[in-house]
Amino acid sequence: MLSLQLVVFHVHFIINLLGHNTSILTVLKAVRAKKQLLYKDRPVRFYPDLAAGIHKKQKEFDTVRQKLRTMGIRYGMLLPAKLLVTYKDKTQTFENPADVEAFIRRIEEEMPGRTGL
């Protein structure tokens, strides 16, 4: 069973969605496309309820995400634990931080004077 948290200010509600991961992903995509969802003129936010193992796997990307942020490169996390990186209008998906580190090294070689980020 998977769940999705619905947070309305300080009140926490949990919506349990039975079925496939795709149902949760569909809800999250729809909410993201809407930009801002209101209930009684108050913003509503949705957050995935991640298992500890998935959260730990996502945290492994923290160092490379910081490097990408410093370099001004666009990135985002995909569920469950993949890093999506867009550089020079080309998007790549990485499943482990070591591959992202190699990608960053290649970019640094292209950018003279920007090593050591």
C-alpha atoms as a PDB file:
ATOM      1  CA  MET A   1       0.000   0.000   0.000  1.00  0.00           C
ATOM      2  CA  LEU A   2       1.304   3.432  -0.918  1.00  0.00           C
ATOM      3  CA  SER A   3       0.250   6.713   0.575  1.00  0.00           C
ATOM      4  CA  LEU A   4       0.368  10.376  -0.262  1.00  0.00           C
ATOM      5  CA  GLN A   5       0.399  13.109   2.349  1.00  0.00           C
ATOM      6  CA  LEU A   6      -1.890  16.100   1.991  1.00  0.00           C
ATOM      7  CA  VAL A   7      -0.755  19.024   4.118  1.00  0.00           C
ATOM      8  CA  VAL A   8      -3.110  21.941   4.765  1.00  0.00           C
ATOM      9  CA  PHE A   9      -1.169  24.421   6.897  1.00  0.00           C
ATOM     10  CA  HIS A  10      -0.493  22.643  10.189  1.00  0.00           C
ATOM     11  CA  VAL A  11      -3.162  19.989   9.843  1.00  0.00           C
ATOM     12  CA  HIS A  12      -1.922  16.728   8.350  1.00  0.00           C
ATOM     13  CA  PHE A  13      -4.175  14.414   6.412  1.00  0.00           C
ATOM     14  CA  ILE A  14      -3.028  11.200   4.811  1.00  0.00           C
ATOM     15  CA  ILE A  15      -4.716  10.014   1.675  1.00  0.00           C
ATOM     16  CA  ASN A  16      -4.129   6.334   1.060  1.00  0.00           C
ATOM     17  CA  LEU A  17      -4.124   5.443  -2.578  1.00  0.00           C
ATOM     18  CA  LEU A  18      -4.411   1.745  -3.227  1.00  0.00           C
ATOM     19  CA  GLY A  19      -3.057   0.382  -6.440  1.00  0.00           C
ATOM     20  CA  HIS A  20      -0.109   1.219  -8.615  1.00  0.00           C
ATOM     21  CA  ASN A  21       2.658   3.768  -8.237  1.00  0.00           C
ATOM     22  CA  THR A  22       1.283   5.387 -11.366  1.00  0.00           C
ATOM     23  CA  SER A  23      -1.816   6.597  -9.518  1.00  0.00           C
ATOM     24  CA  ILE A  24       0.340   8.549  -7.052  1.00  0.00           C
ATOM     25  CA  LEU A  25       2.601   9.818  -9.824  1.00  0.00           C
ATOM     26  CA  THR A  26      -0.454  10.902 -11.820  1.00  0.00           C
ATOM     27  CA  VAL A  27      -1.781  12.903  -8.854  1.00  0.00           C
ATOM     28  CA  LEU A  28       1.623  14.527  -8.233  1.00  0.00           C
ATOM     29  CA  LYS A  29       1.986  15.452 -11.934  1.00  0.00           C
ATOM     30  CA  ALA A  30      -1.499  16.970 -12.021  1.00  0.00           C
ATOM     31  CA  VAL A  31      -0.840  18.998  -8.873  1.00  0.00           C
ATOM     32  CA  ARG A  32       2.530  20.168 -10.224  1.00  0.00           C
ATOM     33  CA  ALA A  33       0.901  21.254 -13.510  1.00  0.00           C
ATOM     34  CA  LYS A  34      -1.741  23.219 -11.602  1.00  0.00           C
ATOM     35  CA  LYS A  35       1.048  25.228  -9.877  1.00  0.00           C
ATOM     36  CA  GLN A  36      -1.096  26.214  -6.895  1.00  0.00           C
ATOM     37  CA  LEU A  37      -4.027  24.272  -5.525  1.00  0.00           C
ATOM     38  CA  LEU A  38      -6.395  26.048  -3.148  1.00  0.00           C
ATOM     39  CA  TYR A  39      -8.970  24.702  -0.723  1.00  0.00           C
ATOM     40  CA  LYS A  40     -11.195  27.333   0.888  1.00  0.00           C
ATOM     41  CA  ASP A  41      -8.731  29.989  -0.333  1.00  0.00           C
ATOM     42  CA  ARG A  42      -5.812  28.259   1.375  1.00  0.00           C
ATOM     43  CA  PRO A  43      -2.905  26.564  -0.409  1.00  0.00           C
ATOM     44  CA  VAL A  44      -2.827  22.778  -0.404  1.00  0.00           C
ATOM     45  CA  ARG A  45       0.459  20.911  -0.813  1.00  0.00           C
ATOM     46  CA  PHE A  46       1.060  17.283  -1.697  1.00  0.00           C
ATOM     47  CA  TYR A  47       4.179  15.383  -0.668  1.00  0.00           C
ATOM     48  CA  PRO A  48       5.036  11.776  -1.416  1.00  0.00           C
ATOM     49  CA  ASP A  49       5.227   9.548   1.649  1.00  0.00           C
ATOM     50  CA  LEU A  50       8.649   8.025   1.051  1.00  0.00           C
ATOM     51  CA  ALA A  51       9.920   4.913   2.735  1.00  0.00           C
ATOM     52  CA  ALA A  52      13.130   5.349   4.719  1.00  0.00           C
ATOM     53  CA  GLY A  53      15.154   3.407   2.144  1.00  0.00           C
ATOM     54  CA  ILE A  54      14.010   5.612  -0.720  1.00  0.00           C
ATOM     55  CA  HIS A  55      14.675   8.764   1.292  1.00  0.00           C
ATOM     56  CA  LYS A  56      18.199   7.516   2.095  1.00  0.00           C
ATOM     57  CA  LYS A  57      18.817   6.765  -1.592  1.00  0.00           C
ATOM     58  CA  GLN A  58      17.680  10.291  -2.531  1.00  0.00           C
ATOM     59  CA  LYS A  59      19.953  11.808   0.136  1.00  0.00           C
ATOM     60  CA  GLU A  60      22.951  10.140  -1.552  1.00  0.00           C
ATOM     61  CA  PHE A  61      22.531  12.716  -4.336  1.00  0.00           C
ATOM     62  CA  ASP A  62      22.826  15.731  -1.969  1.00  0.00           C
ATOM     63  CA  THR A  63      26.513  16.440  -2.677  1.00  0.00           C
ATOM     64  CA  VAL A  64      26.164  16.321  -6.462  1.00  0.00           C
ATOM     65  CA  ARG A  65      22.947  18.343  -6.315  1.00  0.00           C
ATOM     66  CA  GLN A  66      24.839  21.070  -4.428  1.00  0.00           C
ATOM     67  CA  LYS A  67      27.575  21.045  -7.089  1.00  0.00           C
ATOM     68  CA  LEU A  68      24.999  21.309  -9.876  1.00  0.00           C
ATOM     69  CA  ARG A  69      23.286  24.185  -8.053  1.00  0.00           C
ATOM     70  CA  THR A  70      26.629  26.001  -7.688  1.00  0.00           C
ATOM     71  CA  MET A  71      27.304  25.511 -11.396  1.00  0.00           C
ATOM     72  CA  GLY A  72      23.848  26.832 -12.307  1.00  0.00           C
ATOM     73  CA  ILE A  73      22.783  23.562 -13.929  1.00  0.00           C
ATOM     74  CA  ARG A  74      19.117  22.612 -13.821  1.00  0.00           C
ATOM     75  CA  TYR A  75      18.249  19.357 -12.032  1.00  0.00           C
ATOM     76  CA  GLY A  76      15.407  17.593 -10.257  1.00  0.00           C
ATOM     77  CA  MET A  77      14.616  14.356  -8.460  1.00  0.00           C
ATOM     78  CA  LEU A  78      12.427  11.694 -10.035  1.00  0.00           C
ATOM     79  CA  LEU A  79      10.671   9.081  -7.961  1.00  0.00           C
ATOM     80  CA  PRO A  80      11.811   6.876  -6.477  1.00  0.00           C
ATOM     81  CA  ALA A  81      15.482   7.966  -6.535  1.00  0.00           C
ATOM     82  CA  LYS A  82      16.801   9.217  -9.865  1.00  0.00           C
ATOM     83  CA  LEU A  83      18.398  12.549 -10.678  1.00  0.00           C
ATOM     84  CA  LEU A  84      17.271  14.357 -13.814  1.00  0.00           C
ATOM     85  CA  VAL A  85      19.847  16.838 -15.166  1.00  0.00           C
ATOM     86  CA  THR A  86      19.347  19.303 -18.024  1.00  0.00           C
ATOM     87  CA  TYR A  87      22.483  20.827 -19.541  1.00  0.00           C
ATOM     88  CA  LYS A  88      22.725  22.587 -22.913  1.00  0.00           C
ATOM     89  CA  ASP A  89      19.092  21.678 -23.708  1.00  0.00           C
ATOM     90  CA  LYS A  90      19.850  17.972 -23.240  1.00  0.00           C
ATOM     91  CA  THR A  91      18.249  16.018 -20.384  1.00  0.00           C
ATOM     92  CA  GLN A  92      19.848  12.971 -18.783  1.00  0.00           C
ATOM     93  CA  THR A  93      18.736  10.665 -15.984  1.00  0.00           C
ATOM     94  CA  PHE A  94      21.178   9.276 -13.414  1.00  0.00           C
ATOM     95  CA  GLU A  95      20.560   6.407 -11.016  1.00  0.00           C
ATOM     96  CA  ASN A  96      23.663   6.866  -8.867  1.00  0.00           C
ATOM     97  CA  PRO A  97      25.791   9.794  -7.663  1.00  0.00           C
ATOM     98  CA  ALA A  98      29.026   8.383  -9.141  1.00  0.00           C
ATOM     99  CA  ASP A  99      27.641   8.792 -12.669  1.00  0.00           C
ATOM    100  CA  VAL A 100      26.648  12.381 -11.863  1.00  0.00           C
ATOM    101  CA  GLU A 101      30.179  13.063 -10.543  1.00  0.00           C
ATOM    102  CA  ALA A 102      31.625  11.809 -13.853  1.00  0.00           C
ATOM    103  CA  PHE A 103      29.161  14.027 -15.740  1.00  0.00           C
ATOM    104  CA  ILE A 104      30.198  17.054 -13.633  1.00  0.00           C
ATOM    105  CA  ARG A 105      33.898  16.349 -14.322  1.00  0.00           C
ATOM    106  CA  ARG A 106      33.211  16.311 -18.078  1.00  0.00           C
ATOM    107  CA  ILE A 107      31.408  19.654 -17.806  1.00  0.00           C
ATOM    108  CA  GLU A 108      34.230  21.163 -15.723  1.00  0.00           C
ATOM    109  CA  GLU A 109      36.712  20.149 -18.430  1.00  0.00           C
ATOM    110  CA  GLU A 110      34.607  22.141 -20.920  1.00  0.00           C
ATOM    111  CA  MET A 111      34.575  25.204 -18.639  1.00  0.00           C
ATOM    112  CA  PRO A 112      38.082  26.644 -18.241  1.00  0.00           C
ATOM    113  CA  GLY A 113      38.621  28.370 -14.904  1.00  0.00           C
ATOM    114  CA  ARG A 114      35.638  26.654 -13.243  1.00  0.00           C
ATOM    115  CA  THR A 115      37.349  23.600 -11.764  1.00  0.00           C
ATOM    116  CA  GLY A 116      37.068  22.615  -8.139  1.00  0.00           C
ATOM    117  CA  LEU A 117      33.342  23.322  -7.766  1.00  0.00           C
END
